[in-house]
Protein backbone atom coordinates (compact mmCIF):
# COMPACT_ATOMS: atom_id res chain seq x y z
CA MET A 1 -25.13 20.16 -27.53
CA ALA A 2 -21.35 20.44 -27.53
CA ALA A 3 -19.40 19.77 -30.73
CA VAL A 4 -16.66 17.21 -30.22
CA SER A 5 -13.65 16.10 -32.23
CA VAL A 6 -11.12 13.49 -31.09
CA GLU A 7 -7.50 13.29 -32.24
CA THR A 8 -5.20 10.30 -31.64
CA VAL A 9 -1.87 11.64 -30.42
CA SER A 10 -0.27 8.27 -29.63
CA ASN A 11 -1.31 4.72 -28.75
CA LEU A 12 -2.86 5.87 -25.49
CA GLU A 13 -2.96 9.66 -25.67
CA ARG A 14 -6.00 11.46 -27.03
CA ARG A 15 -6.68 15.15 -27.67
CA MET A 16 -10.33 16.13 -27.57
CA THR A 17 -11.56 19.52 -28.79
CA ILE A 18 -14.97 20.48 -27.44
CA LYS A 19 -17.08 23.54 -28.33
CA VAL A 20 -19.82 24.40 -25.85
CA PRO A 21 -22.63 26.78 -26.90
CA LEU A 22 -23.23 29.56 -24.39
CA ALA A 23 -26.95 30.17 -24.95
CA PRO A 24 -28.13 27.19 -22.86
CA LEU A 25 -25.85 28.32 -20.02
CA GLU A 26 -27.24 31.85 -19.77
CA GLY A 27 -30.41 30.59 -18.10
CA GLN A 28 -28.32 28.82 -15.44
CA ILE A 29 -26.34 32.02 -14.86
CA ARG A 30 -29.51 34.13 -14.45
CA GLN A 31 -31.03 31.57 -12.10
CA ARG A 32 -27.89 31.53 -9.94
CA LEU A 33 -27.73 35.33 -9.82
CA GLN A 34 -31.38 35.48 -8.76
CA GLN A 35 -30.65 33.04 -5.94
CA ILE A 36 -27.76 35.23 -4.77
CA SER A 37 -29.91 38.36 -4.96
CA ARG A 38 -32.30 37.00 -2.32
CA THR A 39 -29.63 37.04 0.38
CA ALA A 40 -26.94 39.43 -0.93
CA LYS A 41 -26.39 42.58 1.12
CA PHE A 42 -25.65 45.89 -0.59
CA SER A 43 -25.35 49.31 0.96
CA GLY A 44 -28.63 51.24 0.58
CA PHE A 45 -30.75 48.18 -0.18
CA ARG A 46 -32.66 45.78 2.03
CA PRO A 47 -31.63 42.09 1.67
CA GLY A 48 -33.17 40.69 -1.46
CA LYS A 49 -34.14 44.11 -2.91
CA ALA A 50 -30.94 44.98 -4.78
CA PRO A 51 -31.30 45.36 -8.59
CA ILE A 52 -30.24 42.29 -10.54
CA GLY A 53 -27.80 44.48 -12.47
CA LEU A 54 -25.96 45.32 -9.27
CA VAL A 55 -25.86 41.64 -8.29
CA ASN A 56 -24.48 40.83 -11.73
CA GLN A 57 -21.83 43.54 -11.39
CA HIS A 58 -20.53 42.07 -8.14
CA TYR A 59 -21.05 38.33 -8.71
CA GLY A 60 -21.44 37.86 -12.46
CA ASP A 61 -17.85 36.84 -13.25
CA GLN A 62 -17.73 34.41 -10.36
CA VAL A 63 -21.05 32.80 -11.29
CA ARG A 64 -20.14 32.65 -14.97
CA ASP A 65 -16.86 30.88 -14.16
CA GLU A 66 -18.68 28.39 -11.94
CA VAL A 67 -21.33 27.61 -14.57
CA TYR A 68 -18.80 27.35 -17.39
CA SER A 69 -16.48 25.14 -15.31
CA LYS A 70 -19.40 22.85 -14.55
CA ALA A 71 -20.22 22.81 -18.27
CA VAL A 72 -16.65 21.72 -19.02
CA GLU A 73 -16.94 18.87 -16.52
CA THR A 74 -20.33 17.77 -17.85
CA SER A 75 -19.51 18.08 -21.55
CA PHE A 76 -16.23 16.21 -21.10
CA GLY A 77 -18.00 13.35 -19.34
CA ASP A 78 -20.65 13.21 -22.06
CA ALA A 79 -18.03 13.28 -24.82
CA VAL A 80 -16.04 10.48 -23.22
CA GLU A 81 -19.17 8.36 -22.90
CA GLN A 82 -20.31 9.07 -26.46
CA ASN A 83 -16.90 8.11 -27.86
CA LYS A 84 -16.66 5.08 -25.55
CA LEU A 85 -13.29 6.11 -24.13
CA ARG A 86 -11.90 4.79 -20.83
CA VAL A 87 -9.94 7.71 -19.41
CA ALA A 88 -6.83 6.91 -17.37
CA GLY A 89 -6.00 9.59 -14.83
CA PHE A 90 -7.09 13.21 -14.99
CA PRO A 91 -7.33 15.17 -18.26
CA ASN A 92 -5.31 18.31 -18.91
CA ILE A 93 -7.84 21.04 -19.78
CA GLU A 94 -6.78 24.14 -21.74
CA HIS A 95 -9.03 27.05 -22.75
CA LEU A 96 -9.04 30.80 -23.22
CA PRO A 97 -10.51 32.99 -20.43
CA PHE A 98 -14.25 32.39 -20.14
CA LYS A 99 -14.93 36.14 -20.25
CA ASP A 100 -13.59 36.28 -23.84
CA ALA A 101 -16.16 33.77 -25.11
CA ALA A 102 -18.92 35.03 -27.40
CA GLU A 103 -21.43 32.49 -28.71
CA GLU A 104 -19.46 29.46 -27.55
CA PHE A 105 -16.31 28.59 -25.70
CA GLU A 106 -13.80 26.01 -26.83
CA TYR A 107 -11.50 23.90 -24.72
CA ILE A 108 -8.97 21.15 -25.40
CA ALA A 109 -8.73 18.09 -23.15
CA THR A 110 -5.60 15.97 -23.44
CA PHE A 111 -5.64 12.63 -21.65
CA GLU A 112 -4.66 8.97 -21.77
CA ILE A 113 -6.96 6.02 -22.16
CA PHE A 114 -6.68 2.55 -20.71
CA PRO A 115 -5.17 0.01 -23.11
CA GLU A 116 -6.79 -3.20 -24.20
CA VAL A 117 -5.60 -5.93 -21.83
CA ALA A 118 -5.32 -9.40 -23.36
CA VAL A 119 -3.96 -12.14 -21.10
CA GLY A 120 -1.68 -14.65 -22.82
CA ASP A 121 -2.06 -18.43 -23.05
CA LEU A 122 -2.07 -19.53 -19.42
CA SER A 123 -2.06 -23.21 -20.35
CA LYS A 124 1.68 -22.84 -20.96
CA VAL A 125 2.34 -21.24 -17.57
CA LYS A 126 4.10 -23.39 -14.97
CA ILE A 127 3.21 -22.84 -11.32
CA GLU A 128 5.04 -24.61 -8.50
CA ARG A 129 3.00 -25.26 -5.38
CA PRO A 130 5.17 -25.79 -2.26
CA ALA A 131 4.55 -29.14 -0.59
CA LEU A 132 5.40 -29.71 3.06
CA GLU A 133 4.53 -32.42 5.56
CA LEU A 134 5.05 -31.26 9.12
CA SER A 135 7.27 -33.38 11.37
CA ASP A 136 7.86 -33.56 15.12
CA ALA A 137 11.18 -31.81 14.51
CA ASP A 138 9.29 -28.86 13.02
CA VAL A 139 7.16 -28.67 16.15
CA GLU A 140 10.31 -28.70 18.29
CA LYS A 141 11.79 -25.85 16.23
CA THR A 142 8.63 -23.84 16.74
CA LEU A 143 8.69 -24.60 20.46
CA ASP A 144 12.25 -23.29 20.56
CA VAL A 145 11.04 -20.08 18.90
CA LEU A 146 8.28 -19.75 21.51
CA VAL A 147 10.87 -20.17 24.27
CA LYS A 148 13.06 -17.45 22.78
CA GLN A 149 10.05 -15.15 22.43
CA ARG A 150 9.59 -15.36 26.21
CA VAL A 151 13.15 -14.47 27.03
CA SER A 152 14.07 -12.17 29.89
CA TYR A 153 17.35 -10.34 30.41
CA GLU A 154 19.75 -9.73 33.27
CA PRO A 155 22.51 -7.09 33.31
CA VAL A 156 26.16 -8.14 32.85
CA LYS A 157 29.45 -6.26 33.10
CA ARG A 158 31.14 -8.00 30.17
CA ALA A 159 31.37 -6.86 26.53
CA SER A 160 28.34 -7.41 24.32
CA LYS A 161 27.96 -10.54 22.20
CA LYS A 162 25.34 -12.05 19.92
CA ALA A 163 21.84 -12.46 21.49
CA ASP A 164 22.58 -9.88 24.17
CA ARG A 165 20.19 -7.00 24.65
CA ILE A 166 21.96 -3.67 24.63
CA ASN A 167 20.63 -0.23 25.47
CA ILE A 168 22.25 2.48 23.37
CA THR A 169 21.90 6.10 22.34
CA LEU A 170 22.46 6.67 18.64
CA THR A 171 22.82 9.34 16.00
CA ALA A 172 22.99 8.65 12.26
CA SER A 173 24.18 10.96 9.51
CA ILE A 174 24.61 10.90 5.74
CA ASP A 175 27.34 13.05 4.22
CA GLY A 176 27.71 14.86 7.53
CA GLN A 177 23.99 15.68 7.83
CA GLN A 178 22.11 14.09 10.74
CA VAL A 179 19.10 12.03 9.65
CA GLU A 180 18.24 10.16 12.87
CA SER A 181 18.84 10.55 16.59
CA THR A 182 17.58 8.95 19.79
CA GLY A 183 18.64 12.00 21.78
CA ASP A 184 19.33 11.18 25.41
CA ARG A 185 16.73 8.40 25.40
CA GLY A 186 18.30 4.97 25.09
CA ILE A 187 16.81 2.30 22.85
CA ASP A 188 16.95 -1.47 23.32
CA LEU A 189 18.36 -3.71 20.58
CA VAL A 190 19.01 -7.45 20.59
CA ILE A 191 22.20 -8.16 18.70
CA GLY A 192 21.57 -10.53 15.80
CA GLU A 193 17.80 -10.17 15.65
CA PRO A 194 16.34 -10.06 12.12
CA GLY A 195 15.35 -6.83 10.40
CA ARG A 196 18.74 -5.10 10.22
CA VAL A 197 21.75 -5.50 7.99
CA SER A 198 24.26 -7.86 9.62
CA GLU A 199 27.09 -5.31 9.39
CA PHE A 200 25.22 -3.02 11.78
CA ASP A 201 24.85 -5.70 14.45
CA ASP A 202 28.43 -6.88 13.93
CA ALA A 203 29.61 -3.35 14.74
CA LEU A 204 27.73 -3.53 18.07
CA LEU A 205 29.68 -6.57 19.27
CA GLY A 206 32.29 -6.03 21.97
CA GLY A 207 30.80 -2.90 23.53
CA LYS A 208 30.64 -2.39 27.31
CA ALA A 209 28.36 -0.12 29.31
CA GLY A 210 29.78 3.41 29.09
CA SER A 211 31.84 2.80 25.94
CA GLU A 212 31.32 4.54 22.59
CA LYS A 213 31.69 3.50 18.94
CA THR A 214 31.59 5.24 15.57
CA PHE A 215 31.20 3.19 12.40
CA ASP A 216 29.98 3.42 8.80
CA ILE A 217 27.41 1.16 7.15
CA THR A 218 26.99 1.13 3.36
CA TYR A 219 23.53 -0.23 2.63
CA PRO A 220 23.05 -2.56 -0.36
CA ALA A 221 21.50 -1.28 -3.57
CA ASP A 222 18.31 -3.29 -2.95
CA HIS A 223 17.91 -2.16 0.67
CA ASN A 224 14.43 -1.41 2.01
CA PRO A 225 13.53 1.37 2.63
CA ALA A 226 14.76 2.43 -0.79
CA GLN A 227 15.80 5.87 0.48
CA LEU A 228 18.85 4.29 2.17
CA ALA A 229 19.70 1.99 -0.76
CA GLY A 230 23.34 2.45 -1.75
CA LYS A 231 23.85 5.14 0.93
CA THR A 232 26.70 5.23 3.47
CA VAL A 233 25.44 6.08 6.95
CA THR A 234 27.72 7.08 9.83
CA TYR A 235 26.57 5.93 13.28
CA ASP A 236 27.73 7.32 16.62
CA VAL A 237 26.74 4.91 19.39
CA LYS A 238 27.07 5.04 23.18
CA PHE A 239 26.47 1.84 25.15
CA VAL A 240 24.26 2.45 28.21
CA SER A 241 23.88 -1.17 29.35
CA VAL A 242 24.48 -4.81 28.30
CA SER A 243 22.16 -7.67 29.36
CA GLN A 244 22.29 -11.39 28.64
CA PRO A 245 19.27 -13.57 27.77
CA VAL A 246 17.57 -15.89 30.27
CA TYR A 247 15.21 -18.48 28.74
CA PRO A 248 12.25 -20.13 30.55
CA GLU A 249 12.08 -23.86 31.26
CA ILE A 250 9.70 -25.99 29.18
CA ASP A 251 7.43 -27.21 31.96
CA ALA A 252 3.79 -27.17 33.04
CA GLU A 253 3.96 -23.45 33.89
CA PHE A 254 5.28 -22.71 30.42
CA ALA A 255 2.41 -24.72 28.86
CA LYS A 256 -0.12 -22.82 30.97
CA ASN A 257 1.31 -19.53 29.74
CA LEU A 258 0.61 -20.78 26.21
CA GLY A 259 -3.05 -21.35 27.09
CA VAL A 260 -2.98 -25.04 28.03
CA GLU A 261 -5.00 -24.95 31.25
CA ASP A 262 -3.84 -28.26 32.74
CA GLY A 263 -0.19 -27.66 31.78
CA ASN A 264 0.05 -30.92 29.83
CA LEU A 265 3.11 -30.81 27.57
CA ASP A 266 1.71 -33.29 25.03
CA THR A 267 -1.44 -31.16 24.68
CA MET A 268 0.76 -28.11 24.25
CA LYS A 269 2.71 -29.73 21.41
CA SER A 270 -0.50 -30.93 19.76
CA GLU A 271 -1.91 -27.40 19.78
CA ILE A 272 1.36 -26.01 18.44
CA LYS A 273 1.20 -28.50 15.57
CA GLN A 274 -2.41 -27.54 14.81
CA SER A 275 -1.44 -23.88 14.65
CA LEU A 276 1.52 -24.75 12.43
CA VAL A 277 -0.73 -26.59 9.99
CA GLN A 278 -2.82 -23.43 9.63
CA GLU A 279 0.23 -21.20 9.26
CA VAL A 280 1.85 -23.51 6.69
CA ASP A 281 -1.37 -23.55 4.67
CA LYS A 282 -1.51 -19.75 4.81
CA ARG A 283 2.08 -19.36 3.64
CA ILE A 284 1.74 -21.89 0.84
CA LYS A 285 -1.34 -20.07 -0.43
CA ALA A 286 0.59 -16.79 -0.30
CA ARG A 287 3.47 -18.33 -2.27
CA VAL A 288 1.12 -19.71 -4.91
CA LYS A 289 -0.73 -16.40 -5.13
CA GLU A 290 2.49 -14.49 -5.74
CA SER A 291 3.55 -17.03 -8.40
CA VAL A 292 0.18 -16.63 -10.14
CA PHE A 293 0.40 -12.84 -10.01
CA GLN A 294 3.93 -12.88 -11.42
CA ALA A 295 2.79 -15.21 -14.22
CA LEU A 296 -0.02 -12.82 -15.10
CA VAL A 297 2.44 -9.93 -15.27
CA ASP A 298 4.90 -11.94 -17.37
CA GLU A 299 2.28 -13.30 -19.78
CA THR A 300 0.54 -10.00 -20.47
CA SER A 301 2.02 -7.24 -22.57
CA PHE A 302 0.54 -3.78 -23.06
CA GLU A 303 1.52 -0.14 -22.79
CA LEU A 304 0.93 1.42 -19.39
CA PRO A 305 -0.69 4.85 -19.07
CA LYS A 306 1.87 7.30 -17.71
CA ALA A 307 -0.76 8.87 -15.46
CA ILE A 308 -1.47 5.56 -13.73
CA VAL A 309 2.23 4.78 -13.19
CA SER A 310 2.80 8.31 -11.88
CA ALA A 311 -0.06 7.99 -9.39
CA GLU A 312 1.26 4.64 -8.15
CA THR A 313 4.79 6.06 -7.87
CA ASN A 314 3.46 8.87 -5.70
CA ARG A 315 1.60 6.37 -3.53
CA LEU A 316 4.76 4.32 -3.00
CA MET A 317 6.74 7.46 -2.15
CA GLN A 318 4.14 8.49 0.43
CA ALA A 319 4.22 5.00 1.95
CA ALA A 320 8.02 5.14 2.13
CA ALA A 321 7.90 8.54 3.81
CA GLN A 322 5.40 7.21 6.36
CA ASN A 323 7.69 4.24 7.00
CA LEU A 324 10.60 6.59 7.69
CA ARG A 325 8.51 8.67 10.08
CA GLN A 326 7.55 5.53 12.01
CA ARG A 327 11.27 4.76 12.35
CA GLY A 328 11.96 8.24 13.70
CA VAL A 329 13.56 9.54 10.49
CA ASP A 330 12.56 12.87 8.99
CA PRO A 331 11.66 11.99 5.36
CA THR A 332 12.52 15.51 4.22
CA GLN A 333 16.13 14.77 5.14
CA VAL A 334 16.31 11.66 2.93
CA PRO A 335 16.21 12.36 -0.81
CA MET A 336 13.48 10.35 -2.52
CA GLU A 337 13.74 10.10 -6.30
CA PRO A 338 10.62 8.90 -8.18
CA ALA A 339 12.86 6.78 -10.43
CA VAL A 340 13.68 4.53 -7.44
CA PHE A 341 10.01 3.54 -7.17
CA GLU A 342 9.13 3.40 -10.86
CA THR A 343 9.81 -0.30 -11.50
CA GLN A 344 7.63 -1.38 -8.60
CA ALA A 345 4.99 1.16 -9.59
CA GLN A 346 4.89 -0.24 -13.13
CA ARG A 347 4.46 -3.79 -11.83
CA ASN A 348 1.73 -2.78 -9.37
CA ALA A 349 -0.16 -0.81 -12.01
CA LYS A 350 0.13 -3.59 -14.58
CA LEU A 351 -0.98 -6.29 -12.17
CA ARG A 352 -3.95 -4.22 -11.00
CA MET A 353 -5.12 -3.71 -14.59
CA VAL A 354 -4.72 -7.40 -15.43
CA LEU A 355 -6.65 -8.45 -12.34
CA THR A 356 -9.43 -5.99 -13.13
CA GLU A 357 -9.70 -7.33 -16.66
CA LEU A 358 -9.83 -10.97 -15.54
CA VAL A 359 -12.38 -10.29 -12.81
CA ASN A 360 -14.70 -8.33 -15.07
CA THR A 361 -14.37 -10.57 -18.13
CA ASN A 362 -14.76 -13.87 -16.26
CA GLU A 363 -17.17 -12.69 -13.54
CA LEU A 364 -14.77 -13.55 -10.72
CA HIS A 365 -16.13 -11.06 -8.17
CA ALA A 366 -16.40 -12.51 -4.68
CA THR A 367 -19.84 -13.69 -3.61
CA ALA A 368 -21.44 -12.64 -0.33
CA ASP A 369 -20.67 -16.10 1.10
CA GLN A 370 -17.01 -15.80 0.11
CA VAL A 371 -16.73 -12.38 1.72
CA ARG A 372 -18.29 -13.73 4.91
CA ALA A 373 -15.86 -16.66 4.89
CA MET A 374 -12.96 -14.22 4.57
CA VAL A 375 -14.26 -12.13 7.49
CA ASP A 376 -14.66 -15.31 9.57
CA SER A 377 -11.05 -16.23 8.82
CA PHE A 378 -9.94 -12.78 10.05
CA ALA A 379 -11.92 -13.33 13.26
CA GLN A 380 -10.42 -16.74 14.10
CA SER A 381 -7.44 -15.27 15.93
CA PHE A 382 -9.56 -12.94 18.08
CA GLU A 383 -10.78 -13.76 21.57
CA ARG A 384 -14.31 -12.60 20.66
CA PRO A 385 -14.67 -13.37 16.93
CA ASP A 386 -18.36 -12.42 16.82
CA GLU A 387 -17.53 -8.85 17.80
CA LEU A 388 -15.04 -8.51 14.93
CA VAL A 389 -17.57 -9.93 12.45
CA SER A 390 -20.17 -7.43 13.67
CA TRP A 391 -17.66 -4.60 13.32
CA TYR A 392 -17.02 -5.47 9.65
CA TYR A 393 -20.71 -5.66 8.79
CA ALA A 394 -21.59 -2.47 10.67
CA ASP A 395 -20.16 -0.45 7.76
CA VAL A 396 -20.27 -1.82 4.21
CA LYS A 397 -17.04 0.02 3.35
CA ARG A 398 -15.18 -2.15 5.84
CA LEU A 399 -15.96 -5.14 3.64
CA ASP A 400 -13.85 -3.74 0.79
CA GLU A 401 -10.66 -5.44 2.02
CA PRO A 402 -12.12 -8.93 2.61
CA ALA A 403 -14.04 -8.64 -0.67
CA ALA A 404 -10.86 -7.75 -2.57
CA LEU A 405 -8.93 -10.65 -1.00
CA ALA A 406 -11.73 -13.11 -1.73
CA THR A 407 -11.85 -11.88 -5.33
CA GLU A 408 -8.09 -12.38 -5.63
CA GLU A 409 -8.57 -15.95 -4.42
CA ASN A 410 -11.07 -16.47 -7.24
CA VAL A 411 -8.51 -15.19 -9.75
CA VAL A 412 -5.84 -17.52 -8.36
CA ALA A 413 -8.18 -20.53 -8.58
CA TRP A 414 -9.14 -19.55 -12.14
CA VAL A 415 -5.50 -19.33 -13.25
CA LEU A 416 -4.49 -22.57 -11.50
CA ASP A 417 -7.29 -24.36 -13.33
CA LYS A 418 -5.66 -23.40 -16.64
CA ALA A 419 -1.94 -23.49 -15.79
CA LYS A 420 0.42 -26.44 -15.36
CA VAL A 421 0.67 -26.89 -11.59
CA THR A 422 3.30 -29.11 -10.00
CA ASN A 423 4.06 -29.78 -6.34
CA LYS A 424 7.58 -29.03 -5.14
CA LYS A 425 8.83 -30.24 -1.80
CA ILE A 426 10.05 -27.48 0.46
CA LYS A 427 11.79 -27.44 3.80
CA PHE A 428 10.02 -26.11 6.88
CA ASP A 429 12.70 -23.51 7.59
CA GLU A 430 12.63 -22.23 4.03
CA LEU A 431 8.88 -21.71 4.11
CA MET A 432 8.78 -20.12 7.55
CA MET A 433 11.74 -17.81 7.00
CA ALA A 434 10.46 -16.47 3.67
CA GLY A 435 9.07 -13.01 4.22
CA ALA A 436 9.73 -13.22 7.98
């Protein structure tokens, strides 16, 4: 049995010294060498007939390293369990070369442990639940959005203005180094559509087919993706074409295109309102959930393991790089500093640990019925919901996402039962635009 001593380096850091006797491992080494000898090929010997000494000469060091490495893994796991330590991240293992060991080998494992997570007094927490009663005007606004979503465009010879669709070729550079280019392939943009900084679209006003523009955009410090935050980007743009919007009439044909078979406009508006009720409920729940999560972060204080924050920072950086690739930007050309992601990484790590503690302590894991209800809610928007449900249940791993979301709903309900919850009236536009 390995000898173990544990040293407290800091609040979360531990240094564990473990001595592993070699005698019990020698039998494993001999057994492994005998297995190799049955198939090993050596000049002058038939397979399986080579002397064990020759096998040891060729494979002994390799086998010894494998057995000793496995012993490190096993003894560390046993030591952690015996000392009731919850290891955060991967340990740093240090030891002398295995070949220098005599009767035992010693190694030192340095690692962090998870902190104790104690949630504060949630009875003092104030949560505002958005309250909204849909009106006919809200339905009309949504109908207007549906009309605009079905817009078509016709070419014009005039200069571009807001709501026009322009086709442009574009190159972008930072400090003289190109970071994005459409090449000779034009891309379509609608001037004024959400998702871009307004200064960019403003610079595209007044352009005619065949004209060119060069302009600089300095992105705000809180811009997403973070790699462009605070950066000045130079754009060279050539206008290929300018087209103006043409909107459909709200008539029976329009209603049929929305799925109303008889084209009745009143039925169409009724169905729009029903869909809005579901969407409003979904957004209110999302708002409340985020308020609850923020309260849990604010009301809980503990030291975060550096290893966990580092892992989450790396995850965020990889996600940002993937986002850039999807936008046609080479992430290697955009400097990404870990410090930019650290604040978000700390919040994510802290929230995850708090949620885990609450779920385990208060038995808030989702039940099978709750998971099924979540899957059914996913399937509602599909033409063949039964097929989607079958797909989820065909592989138990696919249920991880709905199970996690259902468990989060349990946490939210648990917190709301303890917190001070008040309803706050909210405007339709404010709710629908948030996070759009």
